[in-house]
């Protein structure tokens, strides 16, 4: 992304097409489901497991192959 001349770039902006942007969207959606929905214990465990797995992948260096 090329900033327009004279306009400051926002360091908080992350394009949704980026891997980090996709992770943030997944995390936000998972957090909302955990907060807003009445879930069974199994459903809550599954969402928390997805969130943990996503966090682990996001923290892995980009040049490390996925399992």
PDB file of N, CA and C in Angstrom:
ATOM      1  N   UNK A   1       0.841  -1.164   0.000  1.00  0.00           N
ATOM      2  CA  UNK A   1       0.000   0.000   0.000  1.00  0.00           C
ATOM      3  C   UNK A   1       0.892   1.234   0.000  1.00  0.00           C
ATOM      4  N   UNK A   2       0.636   2.136  -0.901  1.00  0.00           N
ATOM      5  CA  UNK A   2       1.415   3.360  -1.007  1.00  0.00           C
ATOM      6  C   UNK A   2       0.588   4.491  -0.401  1.00  0.00           C
ATOM      7  N   UNK A   3       1.130   5.180   0.627  1.00  0.00           N
ATOM      8  CA  UNK A   3       0.374   6.280   1.224  1.00  0.00           C
ATOM      9  C   UNK A   3       0.253   7.437   0.247  1.00  0.00           C
ATOM     10  N   UNK A   4      -0.851   8.142   0.327  1.00  0.00           N
ATOM     11  CA  UNK A   4      -1.043   9.311  -0.508  1.00  0.00           C
ATOM     12  C   UNK A   4      -0.129  10.425  -0.009  1.00  0.00           C
ATOM     13  N   UNK A   5       0.349  11.226  -0.918  1.00  0.00           N
ATOM     14  CA  UNK A   5       1.273  12.305  -0.565  1.00  0.00           C
ATOM     15  C   UNK A   5       0.619  13.251   0.431  1.00  0.00           C
ATOM     16  N   UNK A   6       1.329  13.542   1.488  1.00  0.00           N
ATOM     17  CA  UNK A   6       0.854  14.494   2.473  1.00  0.00           C
ATOM     18  C   UNK A   6      -0.060  13.918   3.531  1.00  0.00           C
ATOM     19  N   UNK A   7      -0.467  12.675   3.405  1.00  0.00           N
ATOM     20  CA  UNK A   7      -1.358  12.071   4.395  1.00  0.00           C
ATOM     21  C   UNK A   7      -0.562  11.127   5.284  1.00  0.00           C
ATOM     22  N   UNK A   8      -0.750  11.227   6.580  1.00  0.00           N
ATOM     23  CA  UNK A   8      -0.023  10.315   7.471  1.00  0.00           C
ATOM     24  C   UNK A   8      -0.574   8.895   7.346  1.00  0.00           C
ATOM     25  N   UNK A   9       0.291   7.934   7.522  1.00  0.00           N
ATOM     26  CA  UNK A   9      -0.161   6.552   7.531  1.00  0.00           C
ATOM     27  C   UNK A   9      -0.481   6.160   8.961  1.00  0.00           C
ATOM     28  N   UNK A  10      -1.481   5.347   9.128  1.00  0.00           N
ATOM     29  CA  UNK A  10      -1.881   4.898  10.450  1.00  0.00           C
ATOM     30  C   UNK A  10      -1.211   3.566  10.749  1.00  0.00           C
ATOM     31  N   UNK A  11      -0.411   3.481  11.809  1.00  0.00           N
ATOM     32  CA  UNK A  11       0.278   2.221  12.114  1.00  0.00           C
ATOM     33  C   UNK A  11      -0.685   1.130  12.567  1.00  0.00           C
ATOM     34  N   UNK A  12      -1.913   1.485  12.948  1.00  0.00           N
ATOM     35  CA  UNK A  12      -2.871   0.492  13.416  1.00  0.00           C
ATOM     36  C   UNK A  12      -3.612  -0.186  12.274  1.00  0.00           C
ATOM     37  N   UNK A  13      -3.531   0.365  11.085  1.00  0.00           N
ATOM     38  CA  UNK A  13      -4.232  -0.210   9.942  1.00  0.00           C
ATOM     39  C   UNK A  13      -3.514  -1.464   9.466  1.00  0.00           C
ATOM     40  N   UNK A  14      -4.252  -2.548   9.385  1.00  0.00           N
ATOM     41  CA  UNK A  14      -3.713  -3.806   8.864  1.00  0.00           C
ATOM     42  C   UNK A  14      -4.660  -4.271   7.767  1.00  0.00           C
ATOM     43  N   UNK A  15      -4.189  -4.354   6.513  1.00  0.00           N
ATOM     44  CA  UNK A  15      -5.078  -4.802   5.437  1.00  0.00           C
ATOM     45  C   UNK A  15      -5.647  -6.179   5.741  1.00  0.00           C
ATOM     46  N   UNK A  16      -6.955  -6.347   5.519  1.00  0.00           N
ATOM     47  CA  UNK A  16      -7.604  -7.614   5.829  1.00  0.00           C
ATOM     48  C   UNK A  16      -7.056  -8.753   4.968  1.00  0.00           C
ATOM     49  N   UNK A  17      -6.518  -8.425   3.787  1.00  0.00           N
ATOM     50  CA  UNK A  17      -5.973  -9.473   2.927  1.00  0.00           C
ATOM     51  C   UNK A  17      -4.686 -10.061   3.496  1.00  0.00           C
ATOM     52  N   UNK A  18      -4.035  -9.354   4.403  1.00  0.00           N
ATOM     53  CA  UNK A  18      -2.795  -9.858   4.969  1.00  0.00           C
ATOM     54  C   UNK A  18      -3.090 -10.985   5.956  1.00  0.00           C
ATOM     55  N   UNK A  19      -2.102 -11.808   6.205  1.00  0.00           N
ATOM     56  CA  UNK A  19      -2.263 -12.901   7.161  1.00  0.00           C
ATOM     57  C   UNK A  19      -2.595 -12.357   8.538  1.00  0.00           C
ATOM     58  N   UNK A  20      -1.913 -11.283   8.924  1.00  0.00           N
ATOM     59  CA  UNK A  20      -2.187 -10.678  10.233  1.00  0.00           C
ATOM     60  C   UNK A  20      -3.609 -10.122  10.290  1.00  0.00           C
ATOM     61  N   UNK A  21      -4.055  -9.514   9.194  1.00  0.00           N
ATOM     62  CA  UNK A  21      -5.419  -8.998   9.141  1.00  0.00           C
ATOM     63  C   UNK A  21      -6.449 -10.115   9.262  1.00  0.00           C
ATOM     64  N   UNK A  22      -6.185 -11.236   8.614  1.00  0.00           N
ATOM     65  CA  UNK A  22      -7.087 -12.388   8.708  1.00  0.00           C
ATOM     66  C   UNK A  22      -7.105 -12.936  10.124  1.00  0.00           C
ATOM     67  N   UNK A  23      -5.947 -12.986  10.764  1.00  0.00           N
ATOM     68  CA  UNK A  23      -5.885 -13.468  12.141  1.00  0.00           C
ATOM     69  C   UNK A  23      -6.683 -12.557  13.071  1.00  0.00           C
ATOM     70  N   UNK A  24      -6.503 -11.250  12.914  1.00  0.00           N
ATOM     71  CA  UNK A  24      -7.221 -10.308  13.771  1.00  0.00           C
ATOM     72  C   UNK A  24      -8.731 -10.423  13.577  1.00  0.00           C
ATOM     73  N   UNK A  25      -9.182 -10.621  12.336  1.00  0.00           N
ATOM     74  CA  UNK A  25     -10.610 -10.797  12.070  1.00  0.00           C
ATOM     75  C   UNK A  25     -11.118 -12.091  12.720  1.00  0.00           C
ATOM     76  N   UNK A  26     -10.334 -13.179  12.634  1.00  0.00           N
ATOM     77  CA  UNK A  26     -10.723 -14.446  13.251  1.00  0.00           C
ATOM     78  C   UNK A  26     -10.780 -14.305  14.767  1.00  0.00           C
ATOM     79  N   UNK A  27      -9.803 -13.634  15.344  1.00  0.00           N
ATOM     80  CA  UNK A  27      -9.753 -13.462  16.793  1.00  0.00           C
ATOM     81  C   UNK A  27     -10.942 -12.636  17.271  1.00  0.00           C
ATOM     82  N   UNK A  28     -11.248 -11.569  16.552  1.00  0.00           N
ATOM     83  CA  UNK A  28     -12.373 -10.715  16.926  1.00  0.00           C
ATOM     84  C   UNK A  28     -13.694 -11.492  16.866  1.00  0.00           C
ATOM     85  N   UNK A  29     -13.879 -12.272  15.808  1.00  0.00           N
ATOM     86  CA  UNK A  29     -15.097 -13.065  15.675  1.00  0.00           C
ATOM     87  C   UNK A  29     -15.215 -14.120  16.768  1.00  0.00           C
ATOM     88  N   UNK A  30     -14.108 -14.766  17.081  1.00  0.00           N
ATOM     89  CA  UNK A  30     -14.111 -15.785  18.133  1.00  0.00           C
ATOM     90  C   UNK A  30     -14.394 -15.163  19.490  1.00  0.00           C
ATOM     91  N   UNK A  31     -13.759 -14.025  19.766  1.00  0.00           N
ATOM     92  CA  UNK A  31     -14.001 -13.324  21.032  1.00  0.00           C
ATOM     93  C   UNK A  31     -15.471 -12.931  21.166  1.00  0.00           C
ATOM     94  N   UNK A  32     -16.071 -12.444  20.082  1.00  0.00           N
ATOM     95  CA  UNK A  32     -17.481 -12.059  20.113  1.00  0.00           C
ATOM     96  C   UNK A  32     -18.376 -13.262  20.395  1.00  0.00           C
ATOM     97  N   UNK A  33     -18.083 -14.388  19.754  1.00  0.00           N
ATOM     98  CA  UNK A  33     -18.892 -15.589  19.998  1.00  0.00           C
ATOM     99  C   UNK A  33     -18.779 -16.039  21.450  1.00  0.00           C
ATOM    100  N   UNK A  34     -17.566 -16.000  21.997  1.00  0.00           N
ATOM    101  CA  UNK A  34     -17.371 -16.421  23.386  1.00  0.00           C
ATOM    102  C   UNK A  34     -18.119 -15.501  24.349  1.00  0.00           C
ATOM    103  N   UNK A  35     -18.197 -14.203  24.035  1.00  0.00           N
ATOM    104  CA  UNK A  35     -18.846 -13.240  24.919  1.00  0.00           C
ATOM    105  C   UNK A  35     -20.360 -13.215  24.761  1.00  0.00           C
ATOM    106  N   UNK A  36     -20.856 -13.357  23.534  1.00  0.00           N
ATOM    107  CA  UNK A  36     -22.254 -13.063  23.256  1.00  0.00           C
ATOM    108  C   UNK A  36     -23.167 -14.278  23.168  1.00  0.00           C
ATOM    109  N   UNK A  37     -22.634 -15.446  22.915  1.00  0.00           N
ATOM    110  CA  UNK A  37     -23.481 -16.615  22.710  1.00  0.00           C
ATOM    111  C   UNK A  37     -23.505 -17.516  23.938  1.00  0.00           C
ATOM    112  N   UNK A  38     -24.655 -18.135  24.152  1.00  0.00           N
ATOM    113  CA  UNK A  38     -24.748 -19.170  25.181  1.00  0.00           C
ATOM    114  C   UNK A  38     -24.242 -20.470  24.558  1.00  0.00           C
ATOM    115  N   UNK A  39     -23.077 -20.899  25.004  1.00  0.00           N
ATOM    116  CA  UNK A  39     -22.416 -22.062  24.405  1.00  0.00           C
ATOM    117  C   UNK A  39     -22.354 -23.217  25.396  1.00  0.00           C
ATOM    118  N   UNK A  40     -22.375 -24.419  24.840  1.00  0.00           N
ATOM    119  CA  UNK A  40     -22.143 -25.584  25.685  1.00  0.00           C
ATOM    120  C   UNK A  40     -20.655 -25.626  26.018  1.00  0.00           C
ATOM    121  N   UNK A  41     -20.298 -26.430  26.982  1.00  0.00           N
ATOM    122  CA  UNK A  41     -18.888 -26.559  27.345  1.00  0.00           C
ATOM    123  C   UNK A  41     -18.054 -27.047  26.160  1.00  0.00           C
ATOM    124  N   UNK A  42     -18.600 -27.998  25.391  1.00  0.00           N
ATOM    125  CA  UNK A  42     -17.874 -28.513  24.226  1.00  0.00           C
ATOM    126  C   UNK A  42     -17.668 -27.434  23.172  1.00  0.00           C
ATOM    127  N   UNK A  43     -18.694 -26.608  22.922  1.00  0.00           N
ATOM    128  CA  UNK A  43     -18.571 -25.529  21.945  1.00  0.00           C
ATOM    129  C   UNK A  43     -17.550 -24.491  22.410  1.00  0.00           C
ATOM    130  N   UNK A  44     -17.591 -24.138  23.674  1.00  0.00           N
ATOM    131  CA  UNK A  44     -16.646 -23.163  24.226  1.00  0.00           C
ATOM    132  C   UNK A  44     -15.211 -23.707  24.125  1.00  0.00           C
ATOM    133  N   UNK A  45     -15.015 -24.985  24.464  1.00  0.00           N
ATOM    134  CA  UNK A  45     -13.683 -25.593  24.368  1.00  0.00           C
ATOM    135  C   UNK A  45     -13.169 -25.582  22.927  1.00  0.00           C
ATOM    136  N   UNK A  46     -14.070 -25.861  21.971  1.00  0.00           N
ATOM    137  CA  UNK A  46     -13.671 -25.864  20.560  1.00  0.00           C
ATOM    138  C   UNK A  46     -13.242 -24.473  20.112  1.00  0.00           C
ATOM    139  N   UNK A  47     -14.009 -23.446  20.475  1.00  0.00           N
ATOM    140  CA  UNK A  47     -13.642 -22.076  20.098  1.00  0.00           C
ATOM    141  C   UNK A  47     -12.337 -21.643  20.753  1.00  0.00           C
ATOM    142  N   UNK A  48     -12.168 -21.976  22.012  1.00  0.00           N
ATOM    143  CA  UNK A  48     -10.927 -21.614  22.697  1.00  0.00           C
ATOM    144  C   UNK A  48      -9.737 -22.337  22.076  1.00  0.00           C
ATOM    145  N   UNK A  49      -9.935 -23.579  21.651  1.00  0.00           N
ATOM    146  CA  UNK A  49      -8.871 -24.329  20.974  1.00  0.00           C
ATOM    147  C   UNK A  49      -8.523 -23.707  19.633  1.00  0.00           C
ATOM    148  N   UNK A  50      -9.547 -23.257  18.874  1.00  0.00           N
ATOM    149  CA  UNK A  50      -9.304 -22.587  17.603  1.00  0.00           C
ATOM    150  C   UNK A  50      -8.516 -21.300  17.819  1.00  0.00           C
ATOM    151  N   UNK A  51      -8.891 -20.560  18.846  1.00  0.00           N
ATOM    152  CA  UNK A  51      -8.210 -19.300  19.136  1.00  0.00           C
ATOM    153  C   UNK A  51      -6.747 -19.547  19.507  1.00  0.00           C
ATOM    154  N   UNK A  52      -6.511 -20.569  20.315  1.00  0.00           N
ATOM    155  CA  UNK A  52      -5.138 -20.914  20.713  1.00  0.00           C
ATOM    156  C   UNK A  52      -4.308 -21.348  19.506  1.00  0.00           C
ATOM    157  N   UNK A  53      -4.904 -22.182  18.642  1.00  0.00           N
ATOM    158  CA  UNK A  53      -4.182 -22.643  17.449  1.00  0.00           C
ATOM    159  C   UNK A  53      -3.865 -21.471  16.525  1.00  0.00           C
ATOM    160  N   UNK A  54      -4.822 -20.559  16.352  1.00  0.00           N
ATOM    161  CA  UNK A  54      -4.590 -19.384  15.515  1.00  0.00           C
ATOM    162  C   UNK A  54      -3.502 -18.496  16.073  1.00  0.00           C
ATOM    163  N   UNK A  55      -3.490 -18.325  17.387  1.00  0.00           N
ATOM    164  CA  UNK A  55      -2.464 -17.510  18.037  1.00  0.00           C
ATOM    165  C   UNK A  55      -1.090 -18.138  17.850  1.00  0.00           C
ATOM    166  N   UNK A  56      -1.007 -19.453  18.001  1.00  0.00           N
ATOM    167  CA  UNK A  56       0.272 -20.151  17.809  1.00  0.00           C
ATOM    168  C   UNK A  56       0.797 -19.952  16.384  1.00  0.00           C
ATOM    169  N   UNK A  57      -0.093 -20.053  15.393  1.00  0.00           N
ATOM    170  CA  UNK A  57       0.333 -19.868  14.006  1.00  0.00           C
ATOM    171  C   UNK A  57       0.755 -18.427  13.739  1.00  0.00           C
ATOM    172  N   UNK A  58       0.045 -17.478  14.323  1.00  0.00           N
ATOM    173  CA  UNK A  58       0.363 -16.060  14.101  1.00  0.00           C
ATOM    174  C   UNK A  58       1.707 -15.684  14.713  1.00  0.00           C
ATOM    175  N   UNK A  59       2.082 -16.333  15.789  1.00  0.00           N
ATOM    176  CA  UNK A  59       3.341 -16.015  16.460  1.00  0.00           C
ATOM    177  C   UNK A  59       4.540 -16.710  15.818  1.00  0.00           C
ATOM    178  N   UNK A  60       4.286 -17.683  14.977  1.00  0.00           N
ATOM    179  CA  UNK A  60       5.357 -18.421  14.306  1.00  0.00           C
ATOM    180  C   UNK A  60       6.006 -17.535  13.245  1.00  0.00           C
ATOM    181  N   UNK A  61       7.315 -17.570  13.119  1.00  0.00           N
ATOM    182  CA  UNK A  61       7.965 -16.770  12.077  1.00  0.00           C
ATOM    183  C   UNK A  61       7.425 -17.127  10.696  1.00  0.00           C
ATOM    184  N   UNK A  62       7.357 -16.124   9.824  1.00  0.00           N
ATOM    185  CA  UNK A  62       6.758 -16.313   8.494  1.00  0.00           C
ATOM    186  C   UNK A  62       7.471 -17.350   7.646  1.00  0.00           C
ATOM    187  N   UNK A  63       8.758 -17.570   7.866  1.00  0.00           N
ATOM    188  CA  UNK A  63       9.488 -18.514   7.026  1.00  0.00           C
ATOM    189  C   UNK A  63       9.438 -19.944   7.544  1.00  0.00           C
ATOM    190  N   UNK A  64       8.710 -20.181   8.647  1.00  0.00           N
ATOM    191  CA  UNK A  64       8.551 -21.535   9.187  1.00  0.00           C
ATOM    192  C   UNK A  64       7.383 -22.217   8.486  1.00  0.00           C
ATOM    193  N   UNK A  65       7.596 -23.379   7.898  1.00  0.00           N
ATOM    194  CA  UNK A  65       6.491 -24.059   7.223  1.00  0.00           C
ATOM    195  C   UNK A  65       5.406 -24.482   8.206  1.00  0.00           C
ATOM    196  N   UNK A  66       4.146 -24.455   7.745  1.00  0.00           N
ATOM    197  CA  UNK A  66       3.048 -24.905   8.596  1.00  0.00           C
ATOM    198  C   UNK A  66       3.074 -26.422   8.709  1.00  0.00           C
ATOM    199  N   UNK A  67       2.558 -26.953   9.812  1.00  0.00           N
ATOM    200  CA  UNK A  67       2.583 -28.412   9.989  1.00  0.00           C
ATOM    201  C   UNK A  67       1.654 -29.115   9.015  1.00  0.00           C
TER     202      UNK A  67
END
